[in-house]
Amino acid sequence: MRTAAQTEAYIRCQCTEDGDCLLWNGKLNKAQAPIAGGSMRRKYWQATVGPIPEGQIPHPTCGRPTCLAHLQLFTLSQIMRTTIARPDVAARWKVAGRGRGKKIDMETARAIRESDLTQRAKARAFNVTQGLVSRIENNLVWTENAFDPFAGLGARA
């Protein structure tokens, strides 16, 4: 088991300094957060500051997801509020098609089925996720059933 000083030295040799930021050069997860056998933010915080309180997450305040120098403790809801409030992050979520798409109706589902575009192009054109386009095309959602479960059940006298 490494000591805190050894952990800090290991992390620092895996980073580059850019101004006053300490940028991680190793592996990143999907959210571009530094990882190497776990969260490097947590490891760096524990090595340099100490234990992390329950429910708190170290998160960079400089806006660079790979930075380990400007960490501050937040709750997950605080991180989500500050991240969504930043226009650059909100734009990335919108472009990537993440977050909530618009609600659709049966006419939109019909238009998705009739379109000759690819699923990705349909998702962009109708502002929905590609998964929803796939489910609509495979008749898993927004199906047009001619089936009437009550047909033939006339009143009995």
Protein backbone atom coordinates (compact mmCIF):
# COMPACT_ATOMS: atom_id res chain seq x y z
CA MET A 1 0.00 0.00 0.00
CA ARG A 2 1.36 3.39 -0.96
CA THR A 3 1.67 6.24 1.49
CA ALA A 4 -0.02 9.57 0.75
CA ALA A 5 3.30 11.10 -0.34
CA GLN A 6 4.02 8.20 -2.72
CA THR A 7 0.51 8.42 -4.18
CA GLU A 8 0.87 12.17 -4.72
CA ALA A 9 4.28 11.69 -6.37
CA TYR A 10 2.89 8.94 -8.64
CA ILE A 11 -0.06 11.11 -9.70
CA ARG A 12 2.12 14.17 -10.32
CA CYS A 13 4.47 12.20 -12.61
CA GLN A 14 1.43 11.14 -14.69
CA CYS A 15 0.33 14.77 -15.15
CA THR A 16 1.49 17.84 -17.03
CA GLU A 17 1.35 21.35 -15.65
CA ASP A 18 -0.51 23.85 -17.81
CA GLY A 19 -0.49 27.22 -16.11
CA ASP A 20 -1.80 26.54 -12.64
CA CYS A 21 -3.66 23.37 -13.71
CA LEU A 22 -2.37 19.84 -13.21
CA LEU A 23 -3.73 17.88 -16.19
CA TRP A 24 -3.96 14.07 -16.07
CA ASN A 25 -2.38 12.29 -19.06
CA GLY A 26 -3.61 8.78 -18.33
CA LYS A 27 -6.90 6.99 -18.94
CA LEU A 28 -10.20 8.87 -18.91
CA ASN A 29 -13.76 7.65 -18.45
CA LYS A 30 -16.70 8.64 -20.68
CA ALA A 31 -17.13 11.92 -18.80
CA GLN A 32 -13.42 12.71 -19.42
CA ALA A 33 -12.64 12.28 -15.71
CA PRO A 34 -9.20 10.85 -14.85
CA ILE A 35 -9.18 7.18 -13.86
CA ALA A 36 -6.55 4.56 -13.05
CA GLY A 37 -7.90 1.79 -10.85
CA GLY A 38 -10.57 4.20 -9.58
CA SER A 39 -11.15 7.93 -9.53
CA MET A 40 -7.87 9.84 -9.63
CA ARG A 41 -9.65 12.89 -8.24
CA ARG A 42 -10.52 10.92 -5.09
CA LYS A 43 -7.03 9.47 -4.81
CA TYR A 44 -5.35 12.85 -5.28
CA TRP A 45 -7.68 14.54 -2.78
CA GLN A 46 -7.06 11.83 -0.17
CA ALA A 47 -3.30 12.02 -0.75
CA THR A 48 -3.06 15.80 -0.52
CA VAL A 49 -5.94 16.89 1.75
CA GLY A 50 -7.28 13.89 3.62
CA PRO A 51 -10.44 11.80 3.88
CA ILE A 52 -13.53 12.69 1.86
CA PRO A 53 -16.79 13.12 3.84
CA GLU A 54 -19.73 10.86 3.01
CA GLY A 55 -21.76 12.09 0.02
CA GLN A 56 -19.06 14.48 -1.21
CA ILE A 57 -17.22 14.23 -4.55
CA PRO A 58 -14.03 16.08 -5.54
CA HIS A 59 -14.71 18.04 -8.71
CA PRO A 60 -12.52 20.58 -10.60
CA THR A 61 -13.63 24.20 -10.35
CA CYS A 62 -11.51 25.43 -13.28
CA GLY A 63 -13.81 23.80 -15.87
CA ARG A 64 -11.17 21.39 -17.21
CA PRO A 65 -12.34 17.82 -16.55
CA THR A 66 -8.80 16.38 -16.42
CA CYS A 67 -7.48 18.95 -13.90
CA LEU A 68 -6.46 17.67 -10.48
CA ALA A 69 -5.17 20.95 -9.04
CA HIS A 70 -8.43 22.86 -8.59
CA LEU A 71 -10.52 20.28 -6.79
CA GLN A 72 -13.31 21.21 -4.42
CA LEU A 73 -15.82 18.98 -2.64
CA PHE A 74 -19.39 19.01 -3.92
CA THR A 75 -22.44 16.81 -3.64
CA LEU A 76 -23.59 15.14 -6.85
CA SER A 77 -26.63 17.45 -7.10
CA GLN A 78 -24.37 20.52 -6.79
CA ILE A 79 -22.15 19.21 -9.58
CA MET A 80 -25.14 18.60 -11.84
CA ARG A 81 -26.54 22.09 -11.18
CA THR A 82 -23.25 23.86 -11.83
CA THR A 83 -22.45 21.70 -14.86
CA ILE A 84 -25.84 22.22 -16.51
CA ALA A 85 -25.74 25.95 -15.71
CA ARG A 86 -22.52 26.35 -17.71
CA PRO A 87 -23.43 27.16 -21.33
CA ASP A 88 -20.49 25.26 -22.84
CA VAL A 89 -21.45 22.05 -21.04
CA ALA A 90 -25.16 22.46 -21.78
CA ALA A 91 -24.31 22.90 -25.47
CA ARG A 92 -22.25 19.69 -25.46
CA TRP A 93 -25.15 17.78 -23.90
CA LYS A 94 -27.53 19.17 -26.51
CA VAL A 95 -25.22 18.37 -29.43
CA ALA A 96 -24.52 14.87 -28.16
CA GLY A 97 -28.26 14.19 -27.99
CA ARG A 98 -28.13 13.49 -24.29
CA GLY A 99 -30.63 14.69 -21.79
CA ARG A 100 -34.31 14.91 -22.43
CA GLY A 101 -35.58 14.83 -25.96
CA LYS A 102 -38.94 16.21 -26.89
CA LYS A 103 -42.08 14.17 -26.41
CA ILE A 104 -43.44 12.73 -29.61
CA ASP A 105 -46.87 11.77 -30.84
CA MET A 106 -48.16 9.12 -33.24
CA GLU A 107 -47.72 11.36 -36.30
CA THR A 108 -44.03 11.84 -35.47
CA ALA A 109 -43.61 8.07 -34.98
CA ARG A 110 -45.20 7.47 -38.40
CA ALA A 111 -42.86 10.05 -39.97
CA ILE A 112 -39.86 8.33 -38.35
CA ARG A 113 -40.95 4.95 -39.77
CA GLU A 114 -41.55 6.38 -43.27
CA SER A 115 -38.28 8.32 -43.47
CA ASP A 116 -35.45 6.86 -45.59
CA LEU A 117 -32.71 8.41 -43.42
CA THR A 118 -30.37 6.47 -41.17
CA GLN A 119 -31.32 6.06 -37.52
CA ARG A 120 -28.74 8.63 -36.45
CA ALA A 121 -30.01 11.17 -38.99
CA LYS A 122 -33.60 10.51 -37.93
CA ALA A 123 -32.66 11.05 -34.29
CA ARG A 124 -31.10 14.41 -35.13
CA ALA A 125 -33.97 15.45 -37.42
CA PHE A 126 -36.70 14.64 -34.91
CA ASN A 127 -34.70 15.62 -31.77
CA VAL A 128 -35.01 12.20 -30.16
CA THR A 129 -32.48 9.56 -29.16
CA GLN A 130 -31.24 6.95 -31.60
CA GLY A 131 -32.49 4.25 -29.22
CA LEU A 132 -36.03 5.62 -29.47
CA VAL A 133 -35.78 5.64 -33.28
CA SER A 134 -34.69 1.99 -33.17
CA ARG A 135 -37.55 1.02 -30.86
CA ILE A 136 -40.07 2.84 -33.09
CA GLU A 137 -38.75 1.14 -36.23
CA ASN A 138 -38.90 -2.28 -34.56
CA ASN A 139 -42.49 -1.63 -33.40
CA LEU A 140 -41.59 -1.90 -29.72
CA VAL A 141 -43.09 1.52 -28.94
CA TRP A 142 -45.65 3.73 -30.69
CA THR A 143 -47.19 0.76 -32.46
CA GLU A 144 -50.33 1.06 -34.51
CA ASN A 145 -52.51 -1.80 -33.40
CA ALA A 146 -55.65 -2.66 -35.27
CA PHE A 147 -56.30 -5.24 -32.58
CA ASP A 148 -59.41 -4.63 -30.51
CA PRO A 149 -59.44 -6.77 -27.36
CA PHE A 150 -63.16 -6.17 -26.90
CA ALA A 151 -64.24 -7.22 -30.39
CA GLY A 152 -66.78 -10.03 -30.31
CA LEU A 153 -67.67 -9.50 -26.68
CA GLY A 154 -71.21 -8.38 -27.23
CA ALA A 155 -73.65 -7.90 -24.41
CA ARG A 156 -75.09 -11.15 -23.16
CA ALA A 157 -78.68 -11.26 -22.28
